[in-house]
């Protein structure tokens, strides 16, 4: 994490940048495990606390971003790399008056596991990135090359080679093993039951009392313990699970209204509001990017 004095001096320097026009473009690489890539410029966007199934690996191109991750707030200035672990709750907004622009991709844990198996990489199969902000010019430039190639080249061999090369370097240079207990305590197993239910049945209309009964604990204890363990209270975590399902359905070609209903949202506007706050674009814009990809 950056020191306060360093953060202040960097933000002061960046504030002189002109205001950035808001726009975001998603790209999809089905041959790369359905990899999602984002090219975004934001000024007023204020991401709510949310999570992704995959890791967030991004390079700040202009301005600076302030974001919450791992129990604290961090600032990523121009040229730095943002790292968020899969399922880690995080947020984000501008740390500079003019906004910020960045490029990011969201590789899945299974892709790192595949790299370890195929290359016998001497590092963790499911890496944990302890540093939210990394200063690594060589890696940042390599990531930029990957982003540029995924945007402009259809050469599958080139795309695959560059992607897995940069993921291998990222995993081995900055990834660490996450310490896990061979047998988690009973309290963690109880909370895991609730999390698994919300993951497996995101659209279920379930009460807090029913979730508490599933875990054999009191509703009050569930809310407090669940948020401490997973970064969000149960109802907010359920919204994230519903967003993942809605996003998946839209990618499969479902109408937005149908995706909203099937995922458990009250209506399309309810999905629209949460989608924009967590993903950075509207469901309609996301669907449009999918249509552009197919042409």
Foldseek 3Di string as FASTA:
>chain_A
DDDPVVLVVLQVVQQVDAAWDWDKFWDFDVVLVRKIKMWTWDQFFKADWAFAQFKKKKAWQGAKKWKDWDHDIDIEHHGKIFIHGHLTTMIMWGSYNRTTIMMIMGDHLVLLLVLCVVVVQPADSRFDFPDRIGRDNVLSVLVVVLVVCSVPPPPPVVNVVSVSVSSSCCCNPGTHDDDDDPDDDLQVVLLVQLLVCLLVCLQDPDDLCVSCVSSVHHSVCQQVVNCVVRVHGSVVSSLNSLLVQLLVVLLVPDDQQVSCVRSNHPGSVRSQVNCCNHVVHGSVSSSVSSVVNVD
